[in-house]
Amino acid sequence: MSAVEEWPQRVGAAIAGVTRARSVADATLVVEVRSSAWLMELNMMKGEILRRVNEGREVPVEKLVFVMSPEG
């Protein structure tokens, strides 16, 4: 299963409720975020989130990029 598909289970309901994993390319996972407040919060939690995403994964995600969702 890909990091995009596993995103909701890896990060939990609260974070999954305000985000959507969009794509993985060159070991970078791009995640859409619904608000600027959450964007700032998630950037501060990036290390912990990356650890959760990579737990037990053979090919790790090396970088997380949070972007504002077009739906806002």
C-alpha atoms as a PDB file:
ATOM      1  CA  MET A   1       0.000   0.000   0.000  1.00  0.00           C
ATOM      2  CA  SER A   2       1.323   3.458  -0.851  1.00  0.00           C
ATOM      3  CA  ALA A   3       1.968   6.312   1.568  1.00  0.00           C
ATOM      4  CA  VAL A   4      -0.932   8.196  -0.062  1.00  0.00           C
ATOM      5  CA  GLU A   5      -3.361   5.335   0.594  1.00  0.00           C
ATOM      6  CA  GLU A   6      -2.080   4.802   4.152  1.00  0.00           C
ATOM      7  CA  TRP A   7      -2.085   8.490   5.105  1.00  0.00           C
ATOM      8  CA  PRO A   8      -5.364   8.491   7.120  1.00  0.00           C
ATOM      9  CA  GLN A   9      -4.392   5.429   9.173  1.00  0.00           C
ATOM     10  CA  ARG A  10      -0.841   6.660   9.791  1.00  0.00           C
ATOM     11  CA  VAL A  11      -1.709  10.181  10.969  1.00  0.00           C
ATOM     12  CA  GLY A  12      -5.016   9.593  12.765  1.00  0.00           C
ATOM     13  CA  ALA A  13      -8.513  11.024  12.428  1.00  0.00           C
ATOM     14  CA  ALA A  14      -7.792  14.609  13.532  1.00  0.00           C
ATOM     15  CA  ILE A  15      -5.032  15.224  10.978  1.00  0.00           C
ATOM     16  CA  ALA A  16      -6.699  13.116   8.274  1.00  0.00           C
ATOM     17  CA  GLY A  17      -9.826  15.232   8.682  1.00  0.00           C
ATOM     18  CA  VAL A  18      -8.049  18.421   7.582  1.00  0.00           C
ATOM     19  CA  THR A  19      -5.584  16.977   5.056  1.00  0.00           C
ATOM     20  CA  ARG A  20      -5.412  14.894   1.896  1.00  0.00           C
ATOM     21  CA  ALA A  21      -2.261  13.091   0.771  1.00  0.00           C
ATOM     22  CA  ARG A  22      -1.955  14.020  -2.891  1.00  0.00           C
ATOM     23  CA  SER A  23       1.102  12.280  -4.341  1.00  0.00           C
ATOM     24  CA  VAL A  24       4.533  10.758  -3.801  1.00  0.00           C
ATOM     25  CA  ALA A  25       7.375  11.516  -6.196  1.00  0.00           C
ATOM     26  CA  ASP A  26      11.129  11.243  -5.638  1.00  0.00           C
ATOM     27  CA  ALA A  27      10.517  10.117  -2.014  1.00  0.00           C
ATOM     28  CA  THR A  28       8.531  13.315  -1.323  1.00  0.00           C
ATOM     29  CA  LEU A  29       4.951  13.083  -0.059  1.00  0.00           C
ATOM     30  CA  VAL A  30       2.787  16.100  -0.942  1.00  0.00           C
ATOM     31  CA  VAL A  31      -0.146  16.712   1.395  1.00  0.00           C
ATOM     32  CA  GLU A  32      -2.946  19.252   0.928  1.00  0.00           C
ATOM     33  CA  VAL A  33      -4.050  21.110   4.063  1.00  0.00           C
ATOM     34  CA  ARG A  34      -7.385  22.918   4.490  1.00  0.00           C
ATOM     35  CA  SER A  35      -6.273  25.933   6.538  1.00  0.00           C
ATOM     36  CA  SER A  36      -3.206  28.059   7.111  1.00  0.00           C
ATOM     37  CA  ALA A  37      -3.418  27.420  10.867  1.00  0.00           C
ATOM     38  CA  TRP A  38      -3.226  23.662  10.297  1.00  0.00           C
ATOM     39  CA  LEU A  39      -0.460  24.189   7.741  1.00  0.00           C
ATOM     40  CA  MET A  40       1.672  25.909  10.391  1.00  0.00           C
ATOM     41  CA  GLU A  41       0.838  23.279  13.023  1.00  0.00           C
ATOM     42  CA  LEU A  42       1.670  20.367  10.733  1.00  0.00           C
ATOM     43  CA  ASN A  43       4.960  21.932   9.682  1.00  0.00           C
ATOM     44  CA  MET A  44       5.941  22.026  13.373  1.00  0.00           C
ATOM     45  CA  MET A  45       4.964  18.335  13.701  1.00  0.00           C
ATOM     46  CA  LYS A  46       6.721  17.274  10.484  1.00  0.00           C
ATOM     47  CA  GLY A  47       9.349  15.044  12.156  1.00  0.00           C
ATOM     48  CA  GLU A  48       6.780  13.073  14.156  1.00  0.00           C
ATOM     49  CA  ILE A  49       4.443  12.718  11.161  1.00  0.00           C
ATOM     50  CA  LEU A  50       7.292  11.510   8.954  1.00  0.00           C
ATOM     51  CA  ARG A  51       8.181   8.912  11.596  1.00  0.00           C
ATOM     52  CA  ARG A  52       4.578   7.638  11.628  1.00  0.00           C
ATOM     53  CA  VAL A  53       4.387   7.526   7.826  1.00  0.00           C
ATOM     54  CA  ASN A  54       7.640   5.538   7.582  1.00  0.00           C
ATOM     55  CA  GLU A  55       6.996   3.058  10.401  1.00  0.00           C
ATOM     56  CA  GLY A  56       7.547  -0.419   8.940  1.00  0.00           C
ATOM     57  CA  ARG A  57       7.884   0.928   5.382  1.00  0.00           C
ATOM     58  CA  GLU A  58      10.548  -0.659   3.156  1.00  0.00           C
ATOM     59  CA  VAL A  59      10.957   2.393   0.925  1.00  0.00           C
ATOM     60  CA  PRO A  60      10.785   5.441   3.205  1.00  0.00           C
ATOM     61  CA  VAL A  61       9.323   8.826   2.441  1.00  0.00           C
ATOM     62  CA  GLU A  62      12.227  11.242   2.866  1.00  0.00           C
ATOM     63  CA  LYS A  63      10.385  14.551   2.762  1.00  0.00           C
ATOM     64  CA  LEU A  64       6.915  15.871   3.580  1.00  0.00           C
ATOM     65  CA  VAL A  65       5.587  18.947   1.796  1.00  0.00           C
ATOM     66  CA  PHE A  66       2.403  20.586   3.063  1.00  0.00           C
ATOM     67  CA  VAL A  67       0.496  22.815   0.636  1.00  0.00           C
ATOM     68  CA  MET A  68      -2.748  24.743   0.902  1.00  0.00           C
ATOM     69  CA  SER A  69      -5.709  22.871  -0.555  1.00  0.00           C
ATOM     70  CA  PRO A  70      -7.286  24.548  -3.582  1.00  0.00           C
ATOM     71  CA  GLU A  71     -10.670  24.118  -1.858  1.00  0.00           C
ATOM     72  CA  GLY A  72      -9.311  26.092   1.095  1.00  0.00           C
END
